C-alpha atoms as a PDB file:
ATOM      1  CA  MET A   1     -14.122   0.402 -14.973  1.00  0.00           C
ATOM      2  CA  PRO A   2     -13.080   3.037 -13.399  1.00  0.00           C
ATOM      3  CA  VAL A   3     -13.146   3.323  -9.857  1.00  0.00           C
ATOM      4  CA  LYS A   4     -14.868   6.843  -8.215  1.00  0.00           C
ATOM      5  CA  PHE A   5     -13.129   7.929  -4.938  1.00  0.00           C
ATOM      6  CA  GLY A   6     -15.236  10.960  -4.148  1.00  0.00           C
ATOM      7  CA  PRO A   7     -15.526  14.349  -5.692  1.00  0.00           C
ATOM      8  CA  GLN A   8     -12.137  16.875  -5.157  1.00  0.00           C
ATOM      9  CA  SER A   9     -12.911  20.281  -3.513  1.00  0.00           C
ATOM     10  CA  ALA A  10     -11.642  23.162  -4.012  1.00  0.00           C
ATOM     11  CA  HIS A  11      -8.798  22.391  -1.437  1.00  0.00           C
ATOM     12  CA  SER A  12      -7.675  18.678  -2.811  1.00  0.00           C
ATOM     13  CA  ILE A  13      -4.804  18.258  -4.548  1.00  0.00           C
ATOM     14  CA  PRO A  14      -4.826  16.352  -7.679  1.00  0.00           C
ATOM     15  CA  ARG A  15      -3.531  12.900  -7.729  1.00  0.00           C
ATOM     16  CA  LYS A  16      -0.216  12.445  -9.676  1.00  0.00           C
ATOM     17  CA  HIS A  17      -0.882   8.565 -10.450  1.00  0.00           C
ATOM     18  CA  ARG A  18      -4.256   7.209 -11.326  1.00  0.00           C
ATOM     19  CA  ARG A  19      -5.403   5.157  -8.794  1.00  0.00           C
ATOM     20  CA  THR A  20      -6.488   0.908 -10.474  1.00  0.00           C
ATOM     21  CA  GLN A  21      -9.042  -0.705  -7.519  1.00  0.00           C
ATOM     22  CA  VAL A  22      -7.561  -4.277  -7.316  1.00  0.00           C
ATOM     23  CA  PRO A  23     -10.323  -7.194  -7.563  1.00  0.00           C
ATOM     24  CA  GLY A  24     -10.260 -10.334  -5.623  1.00  0.00           C
ATOM     25  CA  VAL A  25      -8.122 -11.166  -2.449  1.00  0.00           C
ATOM     26  CA  GLN A  26      -4.114 -10.018  -2.619  1.00  0.00           C
ATOM     27  CA  PRO A  27      -2.910 -10.682   0.805  1.00  0.00           C
ATOM     28  CA  VAL A  28      -0.342  -7.805   2.202  1.00  0.00           C
ATOM     29  CA  THR A  29       1.580  -7.700   5.005  1.00  0.00           C
ATOM     30  CA  ILE A  30       2.776  -4.863   6.111  1.00  0.00           C
ATOM     31  CA  TYR A  31       6.514  -4.619   8.463  1.00  0.00           C
ATOM     32  CA  TYR A  32       7.027  -1.326  10.769  1.00  0.00           C
ATOM     33  CA  ARG A  33       9.461  -2.149  13.249  1.00  0.00           C
ATOM     34  CA  ARG A  34       8.281  -4.992  15.492  1.00  0.00           C
ATOM     35  CA  VAL A  35       4.644  -4.555  14.489  1.00  0.00           C
ATOM     36  CA  LYS A  36       3.759  -7.010  11.619  1.00  0.00           C
ATOM     37  CA  LEU A  37       0.224  -6.163  10.129  1.00  0.00           C
ATOM     38  CA  HIS A  38      -2.125  -8.193   7.762  1.00  0.00           C
ATOM     39  CA  GLY A  39      -4.528  -7.221   5.040  1.00  0.00           C
ATOM     40  CA  CYS A  40      -5.350  -6.838   1.546  1.00  0.00           C
ATOM     41  CA  LEU A  41      -4.367  -4.725  -1.451  1.00  0.00           C
ATOM     42  CA  HIS A  42      -7.262  -2.262  -1.766  1.00  0.00           C
ATOM     43  CA  ASP A  43      -5.905  -0.253  -4.638  1.00  0.00           C
ATOM     44  CA  ILE A  44      -2.480   0.455  -6.702  1.00  0.00           C
ATOM     45  CA  ALA A  45      -0.872   3.311  -8.724  1.00  0.00           C
ATOM     46  CA  GLY A  46       2.356   4.706 -10.121  1.00  0.00           C
ATOM     47  CA  GLY A  47       3.102   6.245  -6.949  1.00  0.00           C
ATOM     48  CA  GLY A  48       2.321   3.996  -4.206  1.00  0.00           C
ATOM     49  CA  LEU A  49      -0.878   1.647  -3.077  1.00  0.00           C
ATOM     50  CA  GLY A  50      -3.942   1.409  -0.562  1.00  0.00           C
ATOM     51  CA  VAL A  51      -4.317  -1.491   2.094  1.00  0.00           C
ATOM     52  CA  VAL A  52      -6.959  -2.512   4.051  1.00  0.00           C
ATOM     53  CA  SER A  53      -5.731  -4.385   7.312  1.00  0.00           C
ATOM     54  CA  LEU A  54      -6.950  -6.898   9.150  1.00  0.00           C
ATOM     55  CA  ALA A  55      -6.711  -5.371  12.626  1.00  0.00           C
ATOM     56  CA  GLU A  56      -7.232  -1.464  13.488  1.00  0.00           C
ATOM     57  CA  TYR A  57      -3.898   0.068  13.891  1.00  0.00           C
ATOM     58  CA  THR A  58      -2.713   3.542  13.307  1.00  0.00           C
ATOM     59  CA  LEU A  59       0.950   3.699  11.546  1.00  0.00           C
ATOM     60  CA  PRO A  60       3.003   6.786  11.789  1.00  0.00           C
ATOM     61  CA  ILE A  61       3.061   9.189   8.537  1.00  0.00           C
ATOM     62  CA  GLY A  62       6.491   9.701   7.193  1.00  0.00           C
ATOM     63  CA  LYS A  63       7.878   6.792   8.384  1.00  0.00           C
ATOM     64  CA  ARG A  64       9.338   3.640   6.314  1.00  0.00           C
ATOM     65  CA  VAL A  65       7.813   0.210   5.785  1.00  0.00           C
ATOM     66  CA  PHE A  66       8.211  -2.904   4.162  1.00  0.00           C
ATOM     67  CA  LEU A  67       5.421  -4.074   2.407  1.00  0.00           C
ATOM     68  CA  GLN A  68       5.359  -7.825   1.801  1.00  0.00           C
ATOM     69  CA  LEU A  69       3.384  -8.331  -1.669  1.00  0.00           C
ATOM     70  CA  PRO A  70       1.609 -11.685  -3.280  1.00  0.00           C
ATOM     71  CA  GLU A  71       3.799 -14.311  -4.512  1.00  0.00           C
ATOM     72  CA  TYR A  72       3.531 -14.957  -8.018  1.00  0.00           C
ATOM     73  CA  LEU A  73       5.972 -16.309 -10.914  1.00  0.00           C
ATOM     74  CA  ASP A  74       8.805 -17.847  -8.920  1.00  0.00           C
ATOM     75  CA  SER A  75       6.679 -18.276  -5.491  1.00  0.00           C
ATOM     76  CA  VAL A  76       9.493 -16.041  -3.914  1.00  0.00           C
ATOM     77  CA  PRO A  77       8.144 -13.036  -1.997  1.00  0.00           C
ATOM     78  CA  LEU A  78       8.199  -9.673  -2.905  1.00  0.00           C
ATOM     79  CA  PHE A  79       9.145  -6.631  -0.940  1.00  0.00           C
ATOM     80  CA  VAL A  80       8.506  -3.221  -1.434  1.00  0.00           C
ATOM     81  CA  ASP A  81      10.001   0.055   0.683  1.00  0.00           C
ATOM     82  CA  ALA A  82       7.382   2.238   1.342  1.00  0.00           C
ATOM     83  CA  THR A  83       6.636   5.082   3.328  1.00  0.00           C
ATOM     84  CA  ILE A  84       3.007   5.595   5.123  1.00  0.00           C
ATOM     85  CA  GLN A  85       0.912   8.594   3.980  1.00  0.00           C
ATOM     86  CA  HIS A  86      -2.135   7.966   5.757  1.00  0.00           C
ATOM     87  CA  SER A  87      -3.406   5.561   8.550  1.00  0.00           C
ATOM     88  CA  ALA A  88      -6.541   5.662   9.659  1.00  0.00           C
ATOM     89  CA  GLY A  89      -8.212   2.259  11.605  1.00  0.00           C
ATOM     90  CA  THR A  90      -7.741  -0.521   8.905  1.00  0.00           C
ATOM     91  CA  ARG A  91      -7.048   2.187   6.224  1.00  0.00           C
ATOM     92  CA  HIS A  92      -3.266   2.840   5.221  1.00  0.00           C
ATOM     93  CA  GLY A  93      -1.731   4.073   1.831  1.00  0.00           C
ATOM     94  CA  PHE A  94       2.013   4.004   1.238  1.00  0.00           C
ATOM     95  CA  ARG A  95       4.028   5.964  -1.224  1.00  0.00           C
ATOM     96  CA  PHE A  96       6.958   3.840  -3.241  1.00  0.00           C
ATOM     97  CA  VAL A  97      10.487   5.256  -1.870  1.00  0.00           C
ATOM     98  CA  GLU A  98      12.041   4.471  -5.367  1.00  0.00           C
ATOM     99  CA  GLU A  99      12.093   1.916  -8.163  1.00  0.00           C
ATOM    100  CA  ALA A 100      15.108  -0.024  -6.855  1.00  0.00           C
ATOM    101  CA  SER A 101      13.262  -0.585  -3.519  1.00  0.00           C
ATOM    102  CA  ILE A 102      11.677  -3.490  -5.361  1.00  0.00           C
ATOM    103  CA  PHE A 103      13.267  -6.711  -4.052  1.00  0.00           C
ATOM    104  CA  GLN A 104      12.927 -10.224  -3.692  1.00  0.00           C
ATOM    105  CA  VAL A 105      13.903 -12.895  -0.701  1.00  0.00           C
ATOM    106  CA  ALA A 106      15.111 -16.241  -1.809  1.00  0.00           C
END
């Protein structure tokens, strides 16, 4: 089922990647300097992802963060290097830095 995120205005820029809403609760941890925010994955696309944090916090746009994603097959944490695209209250958007920015920690 496609997810609609509101009408595009004449001033909006079309998205490069189509977003897909993530079903269920998929925990995500955001690491920015000494800040550690817990939240849930909201949507994901080819270029990034959206997170809803459990606490309100405004992250600085353009700064780099590490995102810890849910553990799957090997129960090894998966980290993604990303930049902050938007941050307001509990809603945060991140853009992946590059494909090679995904790594596991044993």
